PDB file of N, CA and C in Angstrom:
ATOM      1  N   UNK A   1       0.855  -1.171   0.000  1.00  0.00           N
ATOM      2  CA  UNK A   1       0.000   0.000   0.000  1.00  0.00           C
ATOM      3  C   UNK A   1       0.902   1.236   0.000  1.00  0.00           C
ATOM      4  N   UNK A   2       0.748   2.055  -1.000  1.00  0.00           N
ATOM      5  CA  UNK A   2       1.597   3.233  -1.143  1.00  0.00           C
ATOM      6  C   UNK A   2       0.929   4.469  -0.531  1.00  0.00           C
ATOM      7  N   UNK A   3       1.631   5.177   0.339  1.00  0.00           N
ATOM      8  CA  UNK A   3       1.049   6.409   0.892  1.00  0.00           C
ATOM      9  C   UNK A   3       0.833   7.465  -0.186  1.00  0.00           C
ATOM     10  N   UNK A   4       1.626   7.408  -1.257  1.00  0.00           N
ATOM     11  CA  UNK A   4       1.464   8.370  -2.353  1.00  0.00           C
ATOM     12  C   UNK A   4       0.174   8.100  -3.127  1.00  0.00           C
ATOM     13  N   UNK A   5      -0.107   6.836  -3.348  1.00  0.00           N
ATOM     14  CA  UNK A   5      -1.343   6.460  -4.033  1.00  0.00           C
ATOM     15  C   UNK A   5      -2.557   6.847  -3.187  1.00  0.00           C
ATOM     16  N   UNK A   6      -2.469   6.603  -1.901  1.00  0.00           N
ATOM     17  CA  UNK A   6      -3.558   6.961  -0.992  1.00  0.00           C
ATOM     18  C   UNK A   6      -3.774   8.469  -1.003  1.00  0.00           C
ATOM     19  N   UNK A   7      -2.690   9.227  -0.932  1.00  0.00           N
ATOM     20  CA  UNK A   7      -2.789  10.693  -0.946  1.00  0.00           C
ATOM     21  C   UNK A   7      -3.427  11.179  -2.233  1.00  0.00           C
ATOM     22  N   UNK A   8      -3.009  10.613  -3.368  1.00  0.00           N
ATOM     23  CA  UNK A   8      -3.576  10.997  -4.655  1.00  0.00           C
ATOM     24  C   UNK A   8      -5.084  10.743  -4.674  1.00  0.00           C
ATOM     25  N   UNK A   9      -5.495   9.556  -4.256  1.00  0.00           N
ATOM     26  CA  UNK A   9      -6.910   9.207  -4.295  1.00  0.00           C
ATOM     27  C   UNK A   9      -7.735  10.048  -3.331  1.00  0.00           C
ATOM     28  N   UNK A  10      -7.193  10.340  -2.162  1.00  0.00           N
ATOM     29  CA  UNK A  10      -7.906  11.188  -1.202  1.00  0.00           C
ATOM     30  C   UNK A  10      -8.038  12.615  -1.743  1.00  0.00           C
ATOM     31  N   UNK A  11      -6.979  13.140  -2.319  1.00  0.00           N
ATOM     32  CA  UNK A  11      -7.037  14.500  -2.875  1.00  0.00           C
ATOM     33  C   UNK A  11      -8.004  14.590  -4.047  1.00  0.00           C
ATOM     34  N   UNK A  12      -7.922  13.631  -4.970  1.00  0.00           N
ATOM     35  CA  UNK A  12      -8.873  13.619  -6.083  1.00  0.00           C
ATOM     36  C   UNK A  12     -10.290  13.424  -5.558  1.00  0.00           C
ATOM     37  N   UNK A  13     -10.434  12.496  -4.626  1.00  0.00           N
ATOM     38  CA  UNK A  13     -11.749  12.181  -4.093  1.00  0.00           C
ATOM     39  C   UNK A  13     -12.382  13.313  -3.312  1.00  0.00           C
ATOM     40  N   UNK A  14     -11.576  14.192  -2.760  1.00  0.00           N
ATOM     41  CA  UNK A  14     -12.110  15.311  -1.969  1.00  0.00           C
ATOM     42  C   UNK A  14     -12.898  16.289  -2.839  1.00  0.00           C
ATOM     43  N   UNK A  15     -12.587  16.377  -4.108  1.00  0.00           N
ATOM     44  CA  UNK A  15     -13.263  17.338  -4.974  1.00  0.00           C
ATOM     45  C   UNK A  15     -14.609  16.848  -5.489  1.00  0.00           C
ATOM     46  N   UNK A  16     -14.799  15.535  -5.624  1.00  0.00           N
ATOM     47  CA  UNK A  16     -16.027  15.029  -6.233  1.00  0.00           C
ATOM     48  C   UNK A  16     -17.287  15.319  -5.417  1.00  0.00           C
ATOM     49  N   UNK A  17     -17.280  15.205  -4.099  1.00  0.00           N
ATOM     50  CA  UNK A  17     -18.522  15.525  -3.377  1.00  0.00           C
ATOM     51  C   UNK A  17     -18.983  16.968  -3.608  1.00  0.00           C
ATOM     52  N   UNK A  18     -18.043  17.894  -3.719  1.00  0.00           N
ATOM     53  CA  UNK A  18     -18.401  19.295  -3.977  1.00  0.00           C
ATOM     54  C   UNK A  18     -19.021  19.443  -5.365  1.00  0.00           C
ATOM     55  N   UNK A  19     -18.453  18.747  -6.328  1.00  0.00           N
ATOM     56  CA  UNK A  19     -18.978  18.805  -7.688  1.00  0.00           C
ATOM     57  C   UNK A  19     -20.383  18.216  -7.763  1.00  0.00           C
ATOM     58  N   UNK A  20     -20.572  17.071  -7.136  1.00  0.00           N
ATOM     59  CA  UNK A  20     -21.888  16.426  -7.128  1.00  0.00           C
ATOM     60  C   UNK A  20     -22.906  17.309  -6.408  1.00  0.00           C
ATOM     61  N   UNK A  21     -22.524  17.860  -5.276  1.00  0.00           N
ATOM     62  CA  UNK A  21     -23.431  18.719  -4.501  1.00  0.00           C
ATOM     63  C   UNK A  21     -23.825  19.954  -5.301  1.00  0.00           C
ATOM     64  N   UNK A  22     -22.866  20.586  -5.964  1.00  0.00           N
ATOM     65  CA  UNK A  22     -23.169  21.771  -6.763  1.00  0.00           C
ATOM     66  C   UNK A  22     -24.139  21.441  -7.890  1.00  0.00           C
ATOM     67  N   UNK A  23     -23.887  20.343  -8.583  1.00  0.00           N
ATOM     68  CA  UNK A  23     -24.768  19.949  -9.683  1.00  0.00           C
ATOM     69  C   UNK A  23     -26.169  19.644  -9.161  1.00  0.00           C
ATOM     70  N   UNK A  24     -26.243  18.943  -8.056  1.00  0.00           N
ATOM     71  CA  UNK A  24     -27.532  18.575  -7.491  1.00  0.00           C
ATOM     72  C   UNK A  24     -28.324  19.805  -7.051  1.00  0.00           C
ATOM     73  N   UNK A  25     -27.654  20.742  -6.396  1.00  0.00           N
ATOM     74  CA  UNK A  25     -28.338  21.947  -5.894  1.00  0.00           C
ATOM     75  C   UNK A  25     -28.756  22.880  -7.023  1.00  0.00           C
ATOM     76  N   UNK A  26     -27.844  23.126  -7.982  1.00  0.00           N
ATOM     77  CA  UNK A  26     -28.130  24.103  -9.033  1.00  0.00           C
ATOM     78  C   UNK A  26     -28.856  23.500 -10.223  1.00  0.00           C
ATOM     79  N   UNK A  27     -28.771  22.181 -10.366  1.00  0.00           N
ATOM     80  CA  UNK A  27     -29.333  21.488 -11.524  1.00  0.00           C
ATOM     81  C   UNK A  27     -28.765  22.051 -12.824  1.00  0.00           C
ATOM     82  N   UNK A  28     -27.513  22.475 -12.748  1.00  0.00           N
ATOM     83  CA  UNK A  28     -26.839  23.101 -13.877  1.00  0.00           C
ATOM     84  C   UNK A  28     -25.584  22.300 -14.215  1.00  0.00           C
ATOM     85  N   UNK A  29     -25.493  21.822 -15.446  1.00  0.00           N
ATOM     86  CA  UNK A  29     -24.339  21.022 -15.859  1.00  0.00           C
ATOM     87  C   UNK A  29     -23.492  21.736 -16.906  1.00  0.00           C
ATOM     88  N   UNK A  30     -23.756  23.021 -17.105  1.00  0.00           N
ATOM     89  CA  UNK A  30     -22.964  23.787 -18.064  1.00  0.00           C
ATOM     90  C   UNK A  30     -21.499  23.752 -17.630  1.00  0.00           C
ATOM     91  N   UNK A  31     -20.632  23.425 -18.556  1.00  0.00           N
ATOM     92  CA  UNK A  31     -19.202  23.362 -18.276  1.00  0.00           C
ATOM     93  C   UNK A  31     -18.723  21.977 -17.889  1.00  0.00           C
ATOM     94  N   UNK A  32     -19.643  21.053 -17.656  1.00  0.00           N
ATOM     95  CA  UNK A  32     -19.252  19.678 -17.340  1.00  0.00           C
ATOM     96  C   UNK A  32     -19.236  18.872 -18.629  1.00  0.00           C
ATOM     97  N   UNK A  33     -18.282  17.991 -18.733  1.00  0.00           N
ATOM     98  CA  UNK A  33     -18.137  17.173 -19.931  1.00  0.00           C
ATOM     99  C   UNK A  33     -18.418  15.714 -19.602  1.00  0.00           C
ATOM    100  N   UNK A  34     -19.423  15.129 -20.261  1.00  0.00           N
ATOM    101  CA  UNK A  34     -19.690  13.715 -20.023  1.00  0.00           C
ATOM    102  C   UNK A  34     -18.539  12.827 -20.515  1.00  0.00           C
ATOM    103  N   UNK A  35     -17.836  13.281 -21.527  1.00  0.00           N
ATOM    104  CA  UNK A  35     -16.678  12.519 -22.019  1.00  0.00           C
ATOM    105  C   UNK A  35     -15.591  12.505 -20.951  1.00  0.00           C
ATOM    106  N   UNK A  36     -15.315  13.650 -20.356  1.00  0.00           N
ATOM    107  CA  UNK A  36     -14.311  13.730 -19.300  1.00  0.00           C
ATOM    108  C   UNK A  36     -14.705  12.846 -18.115  1.00  0.00           C
ATOM    109  N   UNK A  37     -15.956  12.969 -17.676  1.00  0.00           N
ATOM    110  CA  UNK A  37     -16.413  12.166 -16.541  1.00  0.00           C
ATOM    111  C   UNK A  37     -16.307  10.674 -16.855  1.00  0.00           C
ATOM    112  N   UNK A  38     -16.658  10.288 -18.070  1.00  0.00           N
ATOM    113  CA  UNK A  38     -16.557   8.883 -18.475  1.00  0.00           C
ATOM    114  C   UNK A  38     -15.115   8.397 -18.473  1.00  0.00           C
ATOM    115  N   UNK A  39     -14.203   9.230 -18.957  1.00  0.00           N
ATOM    116  CA  UNK A  39     -12.790   8.855 -18.957  1.00  0.00           C
ATOM    117  C   UNK A  39     -12.244   8.698 -17.544  1.00  0.00           C
ATOM    118  N   UNK A  40     -12.676   9.551 -16.650  1.00  0.00           N
ATOM    119  CA  UNK A  40     -12.240   9.440 -15.255  1.00  0.00           C
ATOM    120  C   UNK A  40     -12.762   8.133 -14.650  1.00  0.00           C
ATOM    121  N   UNK A  41     -14.014   7.809 -14.943  1.00  0.00           N
ATOM    122  CA  UNK A  41     -14.588   6.555 -14.447  1.00  0.00           C
ATOM    123  C   UNK A  41     -13.800   5.364 -14.992  1.00  0.00           C
ATOM    124  N   UNK A  42     -13.485   5.390 -16.270  1.00  0.00           N
ATOM    125  CA  UNK A  42     -12.691   4.310 -16.878  1.00  0.00           C
ATOM    126  C   UNK A  42     -11.334   4.198 -16.191  1.00  0.00           C
ATOM    127  N   UNK A  43     -10.721   5.328 -15.880  1.00  0.00           N
ATOM    128  CA  UNK A  43      -9.444   5.322 -15.172  1.00  0.00           C
ATOM    129  C   UNK A  43      -9.551   4.686 -13.796  1.00  0.00           C
ATOM    130  N   UNK A  44     -10.620   5.030 -13.070  1.00  0.00           N
ATOM    131  CA  UNK A  44     -10.819   4.425 -11.754  1.00  0.00           C
ATOM    132  C   UNK A  44     -11.096   2.922 -11.874  1.00  0.00           C
ATOM    133  N   UNK A  45     -11.851   2.527 -12.874  1.00  0.00           N
ATOM    134  CA  UNK A  45     -12.108   1.092 -13.089  1.00  0.00           C
ATOM    135  C   UNK A  45     -10.796   0.364 -13.379  1.00  0.00           C
ATOM    136  N   UNK A  46      -9.928   0.986 -14.185  1.00  0.00           N
ATOM    137  CA  UNK A  46      -8.617   0.382 -14.457  1.00  0.00           C
ATOM    138  C   UNK A  46      -7.823   0.229 -13.161  1.00  0.00           C
ATOM    139  N   UNK A  47      -7.894   1.223 -12.285  1.00  0.00           N
ATOM    140  CA  UNK A  47      -7.211   1.137 -10.993  1.00  0.00           C
ATOM    141  C   UNK A  47      -7.778   0.021 -10.129  1.00  0.00           C
ATOM    142  N   UNK A  48      -9.097  -0.132 -10.165  1.00  0.00           N
ATOM    143  CA  UNK A  48      -9.741  -1.203  -9.402  1.00  0.00           C
ATOM    144  C   UNK A  48      -9.288  -2.562  -9.916  1.00  0.00           C
ATOM    145  N   UNK A  49      -9.307  -2.729 -11.239  1.00  0.00           N
ATOM    146  CA  UNK A  49      -8.891  -4.011 -11.827  1.00  0.00           C
ATOM    147  C   UNK A  49      -7.437  -4.310 -11.479  1.00  0.00           C
ATOM    148  N   UNK A  50      -6.583  -3.309 -11.590  1.00  0.00           N
ATOM    149  CA  UNK A  50      -5.175  -3.506 -11.250  1.00  0.00           C
ATOM    150  C   UNK A  50      -5.024  -3.964  -9.798  1.00  0.00           C
ATOM    151  N   UNK A  51      -5.733  -3.289  -8.907  1.00  0.00           N
ATOM    152  CA  UNK A  51      -5.635  -3.647  -7.491  1.00  0.00           C
ATOM    153  C   UNK A  51      -6.140  -5.072  -7.246  1.00  0.00           C
ATOM    154  N   UNK A  52      -7.225  -5.439  -7.874  1.00  0.00           N
ATOM    155  CA  UNK A  52      -7.795  -6.762  -7.645  1.00  0.00           C
ATOM    156  C   UNK A  52      -6.948  -7.878  -8.256  1.00  0.00           C
ATOM    157  N   UNK A  53      -6.331  -7.605  -9.413  1.00  0.00           N
ATOM    158  CA  UNK A  53      -5.588  -8.649 -10.120  1.00  0.00           C
ATOM    159  C   UNK A  53      -4.128  -8.727  -9.672  1.00  0.00           C
ATOM    160  N   UNK A  54      -3.472  -7.576  -9.540  1.00  0.00           N
ATOM    161  CA  UNK A  54      -2.030  -7.585  -9.317  1.00  0.00           C
ATOM    162  C   UNK A  54      -1.583  -7.252  -7.907  1.00  0.00           C
ATOM    163  N   UNK A  55      -2.313  -6.390  -7.241  1.00  0.00           N
ATOM    164  CA  UNK A  55      -1.823  -5.903  -5.957  1.00  0.00           C
ATOM    165  C   UNK A  55      -2.992  -5.640  -5.006  1.00  0.00           C
ATOM    166  N   UNK A  56      -3.672  -6.694  -4.595  1.00  0.00           N
ATOM    167  CA  UNK A  56      -4.842  -6.499  -3.736  1.00  0.00           C
ATOM    168  C   UNK A  56      -4.471  -5.854  -2.394  1.00  0.00           C
ATOM    169  N   UNK A  57      -5.133  -4.770  -2.084  1.00  0.00           N
ATOM    170  CA  UNK A  57      -5.019  -4.146  -0.768  1.00  0.00           C
ATOM    171  C   UNK A  57      -6.226  -3.248  -0.553  1.00  0.00           C
ATOM    172  N   UNK A  58      -6.298  -2.649   0.599  1.00  0.00           N
ATOM    173  CA  UNK A  58      -7.480  -1.869   0.993  1.00  0.00           C
ATOM    174  C   UNK A  58      -7.675  -0.597   0.176  1.00  0.00           C
ATOM    175  N   UNK A  59      -6.654  -0.173  -0.547  1.00  0.00           N
ATOM    176  CA  UNK A  59      -6.761   1.056  -1.347  1.00  0.00           C
ATOM    177  C   UNK A  59      -7.825   0.918  -2.433  1.00  0.00           C
ATOM    178  N   UNK A  60      -8.149  -0.315  -2.787  1.00  0.00           N
ATOM    179  CA  UNK A  60      -9.164  -0.536  -3.820  1.00  0.00           C
ATOM    180  C   UNK A  60     -10.467   0.166  -3.449  1.00  0.00           C
ATOM    181  N   UNK A  61     -10.759   0.277  -2.151  1.00  0.00           N
ATOM    182  CA  UNK A  61     -11.998   0.934  -1.724  1.00  0.00           C
ATOM    183  C   UNK A  61     -11.991   2.434  -2.015  1.00  0.00           C
ATOM    184  N   UNK A  62     -10.825   3.053  -2.030  1.00  0.00           N
ATOM    185  CA  UNK A  62     -10.750   4.471  -2.424  1.00  0.00           C
ATOM    186  C   UNK A  62     -11.062   4.624  -3.909  1.00  0.00           C
ATOM    187  N   UNK A  63     -10.563   3.691  -4.718  1.00  0.00           N
ATOM    188  CA  UNK A  63     -10.894   3.709  -6.143  1.00  0.00           C
ATOM    189  C   UNK A  63     -12.399   3.535  -6.342  1.00  0.00           C
ATOM    190  N   UNK A  64     -12.990   2.595  -5.613  1.00  0.00           N
ATOM    191  CA  UNK A  64     -14.429   2.336  -5.727  1.00  0.00           C
ATOM    192  C   UNK A  64     -15.227   3.568  -5.308  1.00  0.00           C
ATOM    193  N   UNK A  65     -14.866   4.161  -4.175  1.00  0.00           N
ATOM    194  CA  UNK A  65     -15.570   5.349  -3.689  1.00  0.00           C
ATOM    195  C   UNK A  65     -15.485   6.492  -4.701  1.00  0.00           C
ATOM    196  N   UNK A  66     -14.298   6.741  -5.219  1.00  0.00           N
ATOM    197  CA  UNK A  66     -14.136   7.804  -6.204  1.00  0.00           C
ATOM    198  C   UNK A  66     -14.936   7.513  -7.471  1.00  0.00           C
ATOM    199  N   UNK A  67     -14.894   6.275  -7.940  1.00  0.00           N
ATOM    200  CA  UNK A  67     -15.644   5.913  -9.143  1.00  0.00           C
ATOM    201  C   UNK A  67     -17.143   6.114  -8.929  1.00  0.00           C
ATOM    202  N   UNK A  68     -17.639   5.786  -7.744  1.00  0.00           N
ATOM    203  CA  UNK A  68     -19.057   5.982  -7.449  1.00  0.00           C
ATOM    204  C   UNK A  68     -19.433   7.461  -7.437  1.00  0.00           C
ATOM    205  N   UNK A  69     -18.561   8.301  -6.889  1.00  0.00           N
ATOM    206  CA  UNK A  69     -18.849   9.736  -6.852  1.00  0.00           C
ATOM    207  C   UNK A  69     -18.863  10.332  -8.258  1.00  0.00           C
ATOM    208  N   UNK A  70     -17.905   9.936  -9.094  1.00  0.00           N
ATOM    209  CA  UNK A  70     -17.873  10.445 -10.462  1.00  0.00           C
ATOM    210  C   UNK A  70     -19.078   9.905 -11.239  1.00  0.00           C
ATOM    211  N   UNK A  71     -19.451   8.662 -10.975  1.00  0.00           N
ATOM    212  CA  UNK A  71     -20.630   8.095 -11.619  1.00  0.00           C
ATOM    213  C   UNK A  71     -21.891   8.866 -11.230  1.00  0.00           C
ATOM    214  N   UNK A  72     -21.981   9.263  -9.977  1.00  0.00           N
ATOM    215  CA  UNK A  72     -23.120  10.075  -9.532  1.00  0.00           C
ATOM    216  C   UNK A  72     -23.144  11.403 -10.273  1.00  0.00           C
ATOM    217  N   UNK A  73     -21.981  12.020 -10.452  1.00  0.00           N
ATOM    218  CA  UNK A  73     -21.906  13.283 -11.189  1.00  0.00           C
ATOM    219  C   UNK A  73     -22.335  13.074 -12.643  1.00  0.00           C
ATOM    220  N   UNK A  74     -21.924  11.972 -13.242  1.00  0.00           N
ATOM    221  CA  UNK A  74     -22.321  11.672 -14.622  1.00  0.00           C
ATOM    222  C   UNK A  74     -23.832  11.433 -14.705  1.00  0.00           C
ATOM    223  N   UNK A  75     -24.386  10.741 -13.736  1.00  0.00           N
ATOM    224  CA  UNK A  75     -25.838  10.528 -13.707  1.00  0.00           C
ATOM    225  C   UNK A  75     -26.586  11.849 -13.595  1.00  0.00           C
ATOM    226  N   UNK A  76     -26.084  12.755 -12.777  1.00  0.00           N
ATOM    227  CA  UNK A  76     -26.705  14.077 -12.668  1.00  0.00           C
ATOM    228  C   UNK A  76     -26.574  14.843 -13.979  1.00  0.00           C
ATOM    229  N   UNK A  77     -25.447  14.697 -14.653  1.00  0.00           N
ATOM    230  CA  UNK A  77     -25.281  15.345 -15.957  1.00  0.00           C
ATOM    231  C   UNK A  77     -26.346  14.832 -16.921  1.00  0.00           C
ATOM    232  N   UNK A  78     -26.546  13.521 -16.942  1.00  0.00           N
ATOM    233  CA  UNK A  78     -27.558  12.931 -17.826  1.00  0.00           C
ATOM    234  C   UNK A  78     -28.946  13.455 -17.450  1.00  0.00           C
ATOM    235  N   UNK A  79     -29.221  13.526 -16.161  1.00  0.00           N
ATOM    236  CA  UNK A  79     -30.532  13.981 -15.686  1.00  0.00           C
ATOM    237  C   UNK A  79     -30.817  15.429 -16.062  1.00  0.00           C
ATOM    238  N   UNK A  80     -29.807  16.296 -15.970  1.00  0.00           N
ATOM    239  CA  UNK A  80     -30.021  17.729 -16.167  1.00  0.00           C
ATOM    240  C   UNK A  80     -29.474  18.267 -17.491  1.00  0.00           C
ATOM    241  N   UNK A  81     -29.060  17.410 -18.394  1.00  0.00           N
ATOM    242  CA  UNK A  81     -28.464  17.881 -19.641  1.00  0.00           C
ATOM    243  C   UNK A  81     -29.422  18.708 -20.483  1.00  0.00           C
ATOM    244  N   UNK A  82     -30.725  18.411 -20.439  1.00  0.00           N
ATOM    245  CA  UNK A  82     -31.683  19.167 -21.239  1.00  0.00           C
ATOM    246  C   UNK A  82     -31.746  20.629 -20.844  1.00  0.00           C
ATOM    247  N   UNK A  83     -31.517  20.907 -19.566  1.00  0.00           N
ATOM    248  CA  UNK A  83     -31.475  22.311 -19.127  1.00  0.00           C
ATOM    249  C   UNK A  83     -30.289  23.021 -19.771  1.00  0.00           C
ATOM    250  N   UNK A  84     -29.153  22.329 -19.834  1.00  0.00           N
ATOM    251  CA  UNK A  84     -27.950  22.930 -20.415  1.00  0.00           C
ATOM    252  C   UNK A  84     -28.116  23.145 -21.911  1.00  0.00           C
ATOM    253  N   UNK A  85     -28.886  22.285 -22.560  1.00  0.00           N
ATOM    254  CA  UNK A  85     -29.090  22.386 -23.990  1.00  0.00           C
ATOM    255  C   UNK A  85     -30.289  23.269 -24.344  1.00  0.00           C
ATOM    256  N   UNK A  86     -30.975  23.799 -23.336  1.00  0.00           N
ATOM    257  CA  UNK A  86     -32.132  24.657 -23.565  1.00  0.00           C
ATOM    258  C   UNK A  86     -33.352  23.893 -24.048  1.00  0.00           C
ATOM    259  N   UNK A  87     -33.421  22.588 -23.749  1.00  0.00           N
ATOM    260  CA  UNK A  87     -34.517  21.755 -24.223  1.00  0.00           C
ATOM    261  C   UNK A  87     -35.441  21.319 -23.102  1.00  0.00           C
ATOM    262  N   UNK A  88     -35.401  22.025 -22.009  1.00  0.00           N
ATOM    263  CA  UNK A  88     -36.233  21.646 -20.861  1.00  0.00           C
ATOM    264  C   UNK A  88     -37.700  21.847 -21.189  1.00  0.00           C
ATOM    265  N   UNK A  89     -38.504  20.912 -20.719  1.00  0.00           N
ATOM    266  CA  UNK A  89     -39.949  20.988 -20.973  1.00  0.00           C
ATOM    267  C   UNK A  89     -40.642  21.795 -19.910  1.00  0.00           C
TER     268      UNK A  89
END
């Protein structure tokens, strides 16, 4: 278990709750990229697979937590995208 990897995941992970909360409260996804969010999720999934296959340790849960938070942000983007596109009913 690397303290550097843990620090990286904690620092990255600290920003996602704020992003999710802002999107949820404002219902505004302008400036968010679903491609970027998807790529980040893919990166976290790659980290999870690596941990499970090559180097199993407890850090895998930080990858899972971060992936879930980014997934929540992507789900909110999908939910509120029509507002950003001016197509709200």
